[in-house]
Amino acid sequence: MLELAQARKDYSKLAEEIEKLKADKKELMVDKAMNEGVKRKVAEMEKFLREVPTEVTEFDDIMVRRYIKEIKIYDDRFQIILKAGIDIDVPRKNTK
């Protein structure tokens, strides 16, 4: 770019490309940070799940508030949506 400026040539296309690359880099860094955040949440959830008993015998309000974003109830299944962005489908047992 410096050579083009010194030669008094148009370097606007080069400057535009540099700005586009800077914007792309910024977007990639944001995506990486978001991915790291999700990975950290998943790792935290895995650690917590390894430490708790495997059989749930009673409602655990702390666990629900910490990890579950929402629960959707359908005729044939439950859909549990975790805060980490993971969806889990749980088939409903036949209640008839």
Protein backbone atom coordinates (compact mmCIF):
# COMPACT_ATOMS: atom_id res chain seq x y z
CA MET A 1 0.00 0.00 0.00
CA LEU A 2 2.87 2.32 0.84
CA GLU A 3 4.47 1.55 -2.52
CA LEU A 4 1.23 2.37 -4.33
CA ALA A 5 0.88 5.64 -2.42
CA GLN A 6 4.46 6.63 -3.17
CA ALA A 7 3.94 5.80 -6.84
CA ARG A 8 0.77 7.94 -6.72
CA LYS A 9 -1.40 5.01 -7.78
CA ASP A 10 -4.93 4.28 -6.63
CA TYR A 11 -4.85 2.02 -3.59
CA SER A 12 -8.53 2.32 -2.64
CA LYS A 13 -9.27 -1.31 -3.60
CA LEU A 14 -6.40 -2.47 -1.42
CA ALA A 15 -7.61 -0.29 1.45
CA GLU A 16 -11.15 -1.69 1.06
CA GLU A 17 -9.80 -5.22 1.12
CA ILE A 18 -7.80 -4.47 4.27
CA GLU A 19 -10.92 -3.07 5.97
CA LYS A 20 -12.91 -6.13 4.90
CA LEU A 21 -10.23 -8.43 6.31
CA LYS A 22 -10.23 -6.48 9.57
CA ALA A 23 -14.01 -6.85 9.81
CA ASP A 24 -13.75 -10.57 9.04
CA LYS A 25 -11.09 -10.98 11.72
CA LYS A 26 -13.26 -9.18 14.27
CA GLU A 27 -16.23 -11.41 13.39
CA LEU A 28 -14.09 -14.54 13.74
CA MET A 29 -12.82 -13.38 17.12
CA VAL A 30 -16.40 -12.79 18.32
CA ASP A 31 -17.44 -16.25 17.05
CA LYS A 32 -14.45 -17.83 18.78
CA ALA A 33 -15.31 -16.10 22.06
CA MET A 34 -18.91 -17.31 21.81
CA ASN A 35 -17.75 -20.86 21.06
CA GLU A 36 -15.40 -20.75 24.03
CA GLY A 37 -18.28 -19.61 26.22
CA VAL A 38 -20.44 -22.51 25.07
CA LYS A 39 -17.57 -24.95 25.58
CA ARG A 40 -17.04 -23.59 29.10
CA LYS A 41 -20.76 -23.99 29.92
CA VAL A 42 -20.80 -27.55 28.58
CA ALA A 43 -17.67 -28.44 30.56
CA GLU A 44 -19.21 -26.93 33.69
CA MET A 45 -22.39 -28.91 33.11
CA GLU A 46 -20.46 -32.14 32.53
CA LYS A 47 -18.51 -31.61 35.75
CA PHE A 48 -21.69 -30.94 37.69
CA LEU A 49 -23.43 -33.99 36.21
CA ARG A 50 -20.46 -36.23 37.09
CA GLU A 51 -20.66 -35.03 40.70
CA VAL A 52 -24.39 -35.46 41.29
CA PRO A 53 -26.03 -38.82 41.88
CA THR A 54 -27.12 -40.47 38.64
CA GLU A 55 -30.64 -41.16 39.84
CA VAL A 56 -32.80 -38.13 40.42
CA THR A 57 -35.17 -38.87 43.28
CA GLU A 58 -36.43 -35.38 43.96
CA PHE A 59 -36.76 -32.02 42.27
CA ASP A 60 -33.53 -30.00 42.39
CA ASP A 61 -34.43 -26.33 41.99
CA ILE A 62 -30.77 -25.22 41.88
CA MET A 63 -29.94 -27.58 39.02
CA VAL A 64 -33.02 -26.55 37.05
CA ARG A 65 -32.34 -22.84 37.38
CA ARG A 66 -28.65 -23.29 36.63
CA TYR A 67 -28.87 -25.40 33.48
CA ILE A 68 -32.36 -25.53 31.99
CA LYS A 69 -33.62 -22.72 29.81
CA GLU A 70 -37.05 -24.20 29.11
CA ILE A 71 -39.00 -27.43 28.90
CA LYS A 72 -41.53 -28.03 26.14
CA ILE A 73 -44.18 -30.70 26.55
CA TYR A 74 -45.53 -32.54 23.52
CA ASP A 75 -47.96 -35.46 23.24
CA ASP A 76 -45.17 -37.96 22.60
CA ARG A 77 -42.11 -36.36 24.20
CA PHE A 78 -40.57 -33.67 26.36
CA GLN A 79 -38.00 -31.30 24.90
CA ILE A 80 -35.50 -29.96 27.40
CA ILE A 81 -33.59 -26.90 26.18
CA LEU A 82 -30.43 -26.26 28.14
CA LYS A 83 -28.82 -22.84 28.57
CA ALA A 84 -25.72 -24.18 26.82
CA GLY A 85 -27.74 -24.44 23.61
CA ILE A 86 -28.31 -28.20 23.69
CA ASP A 87 -31.76 -29.70 23.11
CA ILE A 88 -32.64 -33.09 24.61
CA ASP A 89 -35.73 -35.03 23.55
CA VAL A 90 -37.13 -37.40 26.18
CA PRO A 91 -39.84 -39.82 25.02
CA ARG A 92 -42.99 -39.82 27.12
CA LYS A 93 -43.96 -43.12 28.65
CA ASN A 94 -47.37 -44.36 27.69
CA THR A 95 -49.67 -43.05 30.41
CA LYS A 96 -52.70 -45.12 29.36
